[in-house]
Amino acid sequence: MPRSIVLILGSGANVGRSVARKFATDGSLVAISARSLENGISPEGYITIKADYSHRDAIPTVFDYLKATAGIPNVVIYNAQHAVQGFEELPATAKKVFIYTGNILNSTVLPVPAFFTLGIGKAASAYWLGASDLNYSKKGFRFYYADERTLEGAPVLGDIDAEAHADFYKQLVDGQDSSIPWLATFASGRGYVNFPRT
């Protein structure tokens, strides 16, 4: 099987760094993109792509740069539209996975004014990921809204476990477990858990 190309859009110092490290240790070619980066290669060997996502052309530019530099990503963490365009060009044997880092706000309303717009964004994102998974899973393209919870199913809020994200994302890509739905709730040390919607 050809080497996986993993693209992490909006890669940060916590979850993004852990996810990049997890995929790189298994031999995947990792590309990370963020406003704070310059185009090139990181000390860890990741392809780095500078992108300011407040600009409309940022996402296509990142995909074009990566395609020209290393190839089409078969694992994308964040932007679905361009992932589908790339997935269509990959061989049928390649795994094609899109993972969005979500949280509980897609299904739970928390009465915190600071979460109002964030919750709307997460709910909308969850909808298009669910619709994308329903529409494209028959082609072998999987879309996930990954939502870390405590072992009791409560939101983790500020206690995000970056390593748990990395482990779970790798499980989603490697396992291709069709029993894990697009709304992929998980807990540190347990992996996927079907928490009831609140």
C-alpha atoms as a PDB file:
ATOM      1  CA  MET A   1       0.000   0.000   0.000  1.00  0.00           C
ATOM      2  CA  PRO A   2       1.377   3.457  -0.821  1.00  0.00           C
ATOM      3  CA  ARG A   3       2.528   5.744   1.976  1.00  0.00           C
ATOM      4  CA  SER A   4      -0.284   7.821   3.497  1.00  0.00           C
ATOM      5  CA  ILE A   5      -0.168  11.591   3.123  1.00  0.00           C
ATOM      6  CA  VAL A   6      -1.763  13.294   6.125  1.00  0.00           C
ATOM      7  CA  LEU A   7      -2.710  16.983   5.944  1.00  0.00           C
ATOM      8  CA  ILE A   8      -3.508  18.811   9.185  1.00  0.00           C
ATOM      9  CA  LEU A   9      -5.091  22.216   8.562  1.00  0.00           C
ATOM     10  CA  GLY A  10      -4.853  24.775  11.342  1.00  0.00           C
ATOM     11  CA  SER A  11      -2.251  22.668  13.144  1.00  0.00           C
ATOM     12  CA  GLY A  12      -1.601  23.894  16.661  1.00  0.00           C
ATOM     13  CA  ALA A  13       0.808  23.148  19.480  1.00  0.00           C
ATOM     14  CA  ASN A  14      -1.507  20.755  21.340  1.00  0.00           C
ATOM     15  CA  VAL A  15      -3.808  18.421  19.351  1.00  0.00           C
ATOM     16  CA  GLY A  16      -2.208  19.238  15.986  1.00  0.00           C
ATOM     17  CA  ARG A  17       1.299  18.450  17.218  1.00  0.00           C
ATOM     18  CA  SER A  18       0.223  15.163  18.839  1.00  0.00           C
ATOM     19  CA  VAL A  19      -1.736  14.034  15.787  1.00  0.00           C
ATOM     20  CA  ALA A  20       1.182  14.888  13.476  1.00  0.00           C
ATOM     21  CA  ARG A  21       3.623  12.954  15.665  1.00  0.00           C
ATOM     22  CA  LYS A  22       1.313   9.904  15.858  1.00  0.00           C
ATOM     23  CA  PHE A  23       0.950   9.632  12.079  1.00  0.00           C
ATOM     24  CA  ALA A  24       4.633  10.354  11.415  1.00  0.00           C
ATOM     25  CA  THR A  25       5.764   7.546  13.734  1.00  0.00           C
ATOM     26  CA  ASP A  26       3.852   5.089  11.557  1.00  0.00           C
ATOM     27  CA  GLY A  27       5.640   6.289   8.425  1.00  0.00           C
ATOM     28  CA  SER A  28       2.999   8.637   7.040  1.00  0.00           C
ATOM     29  CA  LEU A  29       4.138  11.775   5.271  1.00  0.00           C
ATOM     30  CA  VAL A  30       2.733  14.608   7.376  1.00  0.00           C
ATOM     31  CA  ALA A  31       1.941  18.134   6.191  1.00  0.00           C
ATOM     32  CA  ILE A  32       0.878  20.812   8.649  1.00  0.00           C
ATOM     33  CA  SER A  33      -0.587  24.177   7.848  1.00  0.00           C
ATOM     34  CA  ALA A  34      -1.096  27.289   9.945  1.00  0.00           C
ATOM     35  CA  ARG A  35      -0.769  31.051   9.810  1.00  0.00           C
ATOM     36  CA  SER A  36       2.354  30.922  12.013  1.00  0.00           C
ATOM     37  CA  LEU A  37       4.305  28.592   9.686  1.00  0.00           C
ATOM     38  CA  GLU A  38       6.455  29.229   6.634  1.00  0.00           C
ATOM     39  CA  ASN A  39       6.510  26.974   3.568  1.00  0.00           C
ATOM     40  CA  GLY A  40       9.209  24.363   3.990  1.00  0.00           C
ATOM     41  CA  ILE A  41      10.130  21.403   6.179  1.00  0.00           C
ATOM     42  CA  SER A  42       9.918  21.375   9.976  1.00  0.00           C
ATOM     43  CA  PRO A  43      12.700  19.978  12.189  1.00  0.00           C
ATOM     44  CA  GLU A  44      10.496  16.875  12.629  1.00  0.00           C
ATOM     45  CA  GLY A  45      10.371  16.396   8.849  1.00  0.00           C
ATOM     46  CA  TYR A  46       6.795  17.606   8.306  1.00  0.00           C
ATOM     47  CA  ILE A  47       5.946  19.640   5.236  1.00  0.00           C
ATOM     48  CA  THR A  48       4.956  23.078   6.536  1.00  0.00           C
ATOM     49  CA  ILE A  49       2.538  25.312   4.664  1.00  0.00           C
ATOM     50  CA  LYS A  50       1.755  28.898   5.609  1.00  0.00           C
ATOM     51  CA  ALA A  51      -1.971  29.697   5.352  1.00  0.00           C
ATOM     52  CA  ASP A  52      -4.269  32.334   6.757  1.00  0.00           C
ATOM     53  CA  TYR A  53      -7.729  30.749   6.741  1.00  0.00           C
ATOM     54  CA  SER A  54      -9.453  34.106   6.900  1.00  0.00           C
ATOM     55  CA  HIS A  55      -8.675  34.382   3.162  1.00  0.00           C
ATOM     56  CA  ARG A  56     -11.012  32.597   0.746  1.00  0.00           C
ATOM     57  CA  ASP A  57      -8.243  31.117  -1.363  1.00  0.00           C
ATOM     58  CA  ALA A  58      -6.249  29.682   1.556  1.00  0.00           C
ATOM     59  CA  ILE A  59      -7.649  26.127   1.442  1.00  0.00           C
ATOM     60  CA  PRO A  60      -7.246  25.586  -2.324  1.00  0.00           C
ATOM     61  CA  THR A  61      -3.739  27.058  -2.135  1.00  0.00           C
ATOM     62  CA  VAL A  62      -2.737  24.618   0.617  1.00  0.00           C
ATOM     63  CA  PHE A  63      -4.072  21.623  -1.335  1.00  0.00           C
ATOM     64  CA  ASP A  64      -2.386  22.806  -4.546  1.00  0.00           C
ATOM     65  CA  TYR A  65       0.932  23.332  -2.752  1.00  0.00           C
ATOM     66  CA  LEU A  66       0.841  19.894  -1.135  1.00  0.00           C
ATOM     67  CA  LYS A  67      -0.200  18.175  -4.354  1.00  0.00           C
ATOM     68  CA  ALA A  68       2.706  19.806  -6.209  1.00  0.00           C
ATOM     69  CA  THR A  69       5.168  19.116  -3.389  1.00  0.00           C
ATOM     70  CA  ALA A  70       4.310  15.603  -2.264  1.00  0.00           C
ATOM     71  CA  GLY A  71       0.986  14.393  -3.642  1.00  0.00           C
ATOM     72  CA  ILE A  72      -2.706  14.281  -2.801  1.00  0.00           C
ATOM     73  CA  PRO A  73      -3.518  13.786   0.885  1.00  0.00           C
ATOM     74  CA  ASN A  74      -5.604  10.725   1.687  1.00  0.00           C
ATOM     75  CA  VAL A  75      -6.141  11.786   5.318  1.00  0.00           C
ATOM     76  CA  VAL A  76      -7.322  15.337   5.917  1.00  0.00           C
ATOM     77  CA  ILE A  77      -7.983  16.834   9.291  1.00  0.00           C
ATOM     78  CA  TYR A  78     -10.284  19.839   8.919  1.00  0.00           C
ATOM     79  CA  ASN A  79     -11.563  20.881   5.402  1.00  0.00           C
ATOM     80  CA  ALA A  80     -13.998  18.568   3.608  1.00  0.00           C
ATOM     81  CA  GLN A  81     -14.697  20.174   0.208  1.00  0.00           C
ATOM     82  CA  HIS A  82     -11.170  19.976  -1.111  1.00  0.00           C
ATOM     83  CA  ALA A  83     -10.616  16.616   0.534  1.00  0.00           C
ATOM     84  CA  VAL A  84     -13.384  15.118  -1.632  1.00  0.00           C
ATOM     85  CA  GLN A  85     -11.832  16.547  -4.791  1.00  0.00           C
ATOM     86  CA  GLY A  86      -8.527  14.929  -3.875  1.00  0.00           C
ATOM     87  CA  PHE A  87     -10.124  11.649  -2.749  1.00  0.00           C
ATOM     88  CA  GLU A  88     -11.720  11.322  -6.190  1.00  0.00           C
ATOM     89  CA  GLU A  89      -8.233  11.273  -7.750  1.00  0.00           C
ATOM     90  CA  LEU A  90      -6.724   8.658  -5.432  1.00  0.00           C
ATOM     91  CA  PRO A  91      -6.544   4.942  -6.218  1.00  0.00           C
ATOM     92  CA  ALA A  92      -9.462   2.829  -5.032  1.00  0.00           C
ATOM     93  CA  THR A  93      -7.167   1.001  -2.590  1.00  0.00           C
ATOM     94  CA  ALA A  94      -6.173   4.187  -0.719  1.00  0.00           C
ATOM     95  CA  LYS A  95      -7.867   4.932   2.603  1.00  0.00           C
ATOM     96  CA  LYS A  96      -9.750   8.221   2.392  1.00  0.00           C
ATOM     97  CA  VAL A  97     -10.570   9.799   5.745  1.00  0.00           C
ATOM     98  CA  PHE A  98     -11.569  13.285   6.860  1.00  0.00           C
ATOM     99  CA  ILE A  99     -11.559  14.113  10.584  1.00  0.00           C
ATOM    100  CA  TYR A 100     -12.908  17.297  12.128  1.00  0.00           C
ATOM    101  CA  THR A 101     -11.909  18.113  15.692  1.00  0.00           C
ATOM    102  CA  GLY A 102     -15.221  18.841  17.378  1.00  0.00           C
ATOM    103  CA  ASN A 103     -16.583  18.973  20.900  1.00  0.00           C
ATOM    104  CA  ILE A 104     -19.895  18.479  22.721  1.00  0.00           C
ATOM    105  CA  LEU A 105     -21.359  21.782  21.469  1.00  0.00           C
ATOM    106  CA  ASN A 106     -22.813  20.136  18.365  1.00  0.00           C
ATOM    107  CA  SER A 107     -25.344  18.270  20.517  1.00  0.00           C
ATOM    108  CA  THR A 108     -25.481  20.061  23.870  1.00  0.00           C
ATOM    109  CA  VAL A 109     -26.430  23.652  24.602  1.00  0.00           C
ATOM    110  CA  LEU A 110     -24.329  25.113  27.388  1.00  0.00           C
ATOM    111  CA  PRO A 111     -25.689  28.400  28.815  1.00  0.00           C
ATOM    112  CA  VAL A 112     -22.348  30.205  28.465  1.00  0.00           C
ATOM    113  CA  PRO A 113     -22.456  33.364  26.314  1.00  0.00           C
ATOM    114  CA  ALA A 114     -18.862  32.838  25.167  1.00  0.00           C
ATOM    115  CA  PHE A 115     -19.937  29.515  23.572  1.00  0.00           C
ATOM    116  CA  PHE A 116     -22.855  30.887  21.513  1.00  0.00           C
ATOM    117  CA  THR A 117     -21.051  31.394  18.201  1.00  0.00           C
ATOM    118  CA  LEU A 118     -18.710  28.451  18.783  1.00  0.00           C
ATOM    119  CA  GLY A 119     -21.715  26.191  19.371  1.00  0.00           C
ATOM    120  CA  ILE A 120     -23.413  27.365  16.177  1.00  0.00           C
ATOM    121  CA  GLY A 121     -20.232  26.617  14.225  1.00  0.00           C
ATOM    122  CA  LYS A 122     -19.846  23.154  15.751  1.00  0.00           C
ATOM    123  CA  ALA A 123     -23.516  22.289  15.124  1.00  0.00           C
ATOM    124  CA  ALA A 124     -23.268  23.372  11.478  1.00  0.00           C
ATOM    125  CA  SER A 125     -19.990  21.503  11.023  1.00  0.00           C
ATOM    126  CA  ALA A 126     -21.478  18.343  12.516  1.00  0.00           C
ATOM    127  CA  TYR A 127     -24.391  18.549  10.082  1.00  0.00           C
ATOM    128  CA  TRP A 128     -22.216  18.783   6.975  1.00  0.00           C
ATOM    129  CA  LEU A 129     -19.910  16.025   8.243  1.00  0.00           C
ATOM    130  CA  GLY A 130     -22.882  13.732   8.834  1.00  0.00           C
ATOM    131  CA  ALA A 131     -24.279  14.573   5.402  1.00  0.00           C
ATOM    132  CA  SER A 132     -20.859  14.084   3.791  1.00  0.00           C
ATOM    133  CA  ASP A 133     -20.430  10.681   5.432  1.00  0.00           C
ATOM    134  CA  LEU A 134     -23.885   9.580   4.291  1.00  0.00           C
ATOM    135  CA  ASN A 135     -23.243  10.784   0.746  1.00  0.00           C
ATOM    136  CA  TYR A 136     -19.686   9.560   0.280  1.00  0.00           C
ATOM    137  CA  SER A 137     -19.272   6.475   2.477  1.00  0.00           C
ATOM    138  CA  LYS A 138     -20.513   4.303  -0.393  1.00  0.00           C
ATOM    139  CA  LYS A 139     -17.404   5.464  -2.277  1.00  0.00           C
ATOM    140  CA  GLY A 140     -15.208   4.541   0.664  1.00  0.00           C
ATOM    141  CA  PHE A 141     -14.733   8.151   1.858  1.00  0.00           C
ATOM    142  CA  ARG A 142     -15.266   8.489   5.607  1.00  0.00           C
ATOM    143  CA  PHE A 143     -16.037  11.732   7.445  1.00  0.00           C
ATOM    144  CA  TYR A 144     -15.866  12.029  11.226  1.00  0.00           C
ATOM    145  CA  TYR A 145     -16.790  14.639  13.801  1.00  0.00           C
ATOM    146  CA  ALA A 146     -14.427  13.608  16.616  1.00  0.00           C
ATOM    147  CA  ASP A 147     -15.636  14.638  20.072  1.00  0.00           C
ATOM    148  CA  GLU A 148     -13.561  13.869  23.182  1.00  0.00           C
ATOM    149  CA  ARG A 149     -15.541  13.331  26.380  1.00  0.00           C
ATOM    150  CA  THR A 150     -14.776  12.334  29.954  1.00  0.00           C
ATOM    151  CA  LEU A 151     -15.324   8.673  30.857  1.00  0.00           C
ATOM    152  CA  GLU A 152     -18.766   9.702  32.142  1.00  0.00           C
ATOM    153  CA  GLY A 153     -19.672  11.384  28.821  1.00  0.00           C
ATOM    154  CA  ALA A 154     -19.321  14.988  29.999  1.00  0.00           C
ATOM    155  CA  PRO A 155     -17.451  17.625  27.984  1.00  0.00           C
ATOM    156  CA  VAL A 156     -13.699  17.762  28.607  1.00  0.00           C
ATOM    157  CA  LEU A 157     -13.727  21.566  28.246  1.00  0.00           C
ATOM    158  CA  GLY A 158     -10.146  22.736  28.863  1.00  0.00           C
ATOM    159  CA  ASP A 159      -8.810  19.282  29.807  1.00  0.00           C
ATOM    160  CA  ILE A 160      -8.239  18.131  26.226  1.00  0.00           C
ATOM    161  CA  ASP A 161      -5.993  15.079  25.971  1.00  0.00           C
ATOM    162  CA  ALA A 162      -3.924  15.652  22.831  1.00  0.00           C
ATOM    163  CA  GLU A 163      -2.478  12.133  22.900  1.00  0.00           C
ATOM    164  CA  ALA A 164      -5.981  10.636  23.121  1.00  0.00           C
ATOM    165  CA  HIS A 165      -6.903  12.622  20.006  1.00  0.00           C
ATOM    166  CA  ALA A 166      -3.826  11.318  18.203  1.00  0.00           C
ATOM    167  CA  ASP A 167      -4.535   7.702  19.203  1.00  0.00           C
ATOM    168  CA  PHE A 168      -8.201   7.931  18.227  1.00  0.00           C
ATOM    169  CA  TYR A 169      -7.534   9.646  14.895  1.00  0.00           C
ATOM    170  CA  LYS A 170      -5.002   6.952  14.041  1.00  0.00           C
ATOM    171  CA  GLN A 171      -7.575   4.303  15.011  1.00  0.00           C
ATOM    172  CA  LEU A 172     -10.134   5.900  12.692  1.00  0.00           C
ATOM    173  CA  VAL A 173      -7.728   5.861   9.763  1.00  0.00           C
ATOM    174  CA  ASP A 174      -6.123   2.466  10.341  1.00  0.00           C
ATOM    175  CA  GLY A 175      -9.162   0.552  11.496  1.00  0.00           C
ATOM    176  CA  GLN A 176     -11.716   1.824   9.011  1.00  0.00           C
ATOM    177  CA  ASP A 177     -14.230   0.380  11.476  1.00  0.00           C
ATOM    178  CA  SER A 178     -17.622   0.809   9.831  1.00  0.00           C
ATOM    179  CA  SER A 179     -19.327   0.464  13.214  1.00  0.00           C
ATOM    180  CA  ILE A 180     -17.929   3.858  14.281  1.00  0.00           C
ATOM    181  CA  PRO A 181     -20.419   6.453  13.048  1.00  0.00           C
ATOM    182  CA  TRP A 182     -19.609   9.900  11.710  1.00  0.00           C
ATOM    183  CA  LEU A 183     -20.346  11.332  15.190  1.00  0.00           C
ATOM    184  CA  ALA A 184     -17.290   9.707  16.728  1.00  0.00           C
ATOM    185  CA  THR A 185     -17.350  10.356  20.461  1.00  0.00           C
ATOM    186  CA  PHE A 186     -14.393   9.029  22.387  1.00  0.00           C
ATOM    187  CA  ALA A 187     -12.720   9.050  25.797  1.00  0.00           C
ATOM    188  CA  SER A 188      -9.073   8.973  26.775  1.00  0.00           C
ATOM    189  CA  GLY A 189      -7.892   5.400  27.261  1.00  0.00           C
ATOM    190  CA  ARG A 190     -11.102   3.913  25.817  1.00  0.00           C
ATOM    191  CA  GLY A 191     -11.326   5.040  22.207  1.00  0.00           C
ATOM    192  CA  TYR A 192     -14.796   5.129  20.674  1.00  0.00           C
ATOM    193  CA  VAL A 193     -17.693   5.218  23.148  1.00  0.00           C
ATOM    194  CA  ASN A 194     -21.302   5.570  22.033  1.00  0.00           C
ATOM    195  CA  PHE A 195     -22.293   8.263  24.508  1.00  0.00           C
ATOM    196  CA  PRO A 196     -26.002   9.152  24.533  1.00  0.00           C
ATOM    197  CA  ARG A 197     -26.877  12.481  22.957  1.00  0.00           C
ATOM    198  CA  THR A 198     -27.952  15.081  25.480  1.00  0.00           C
END
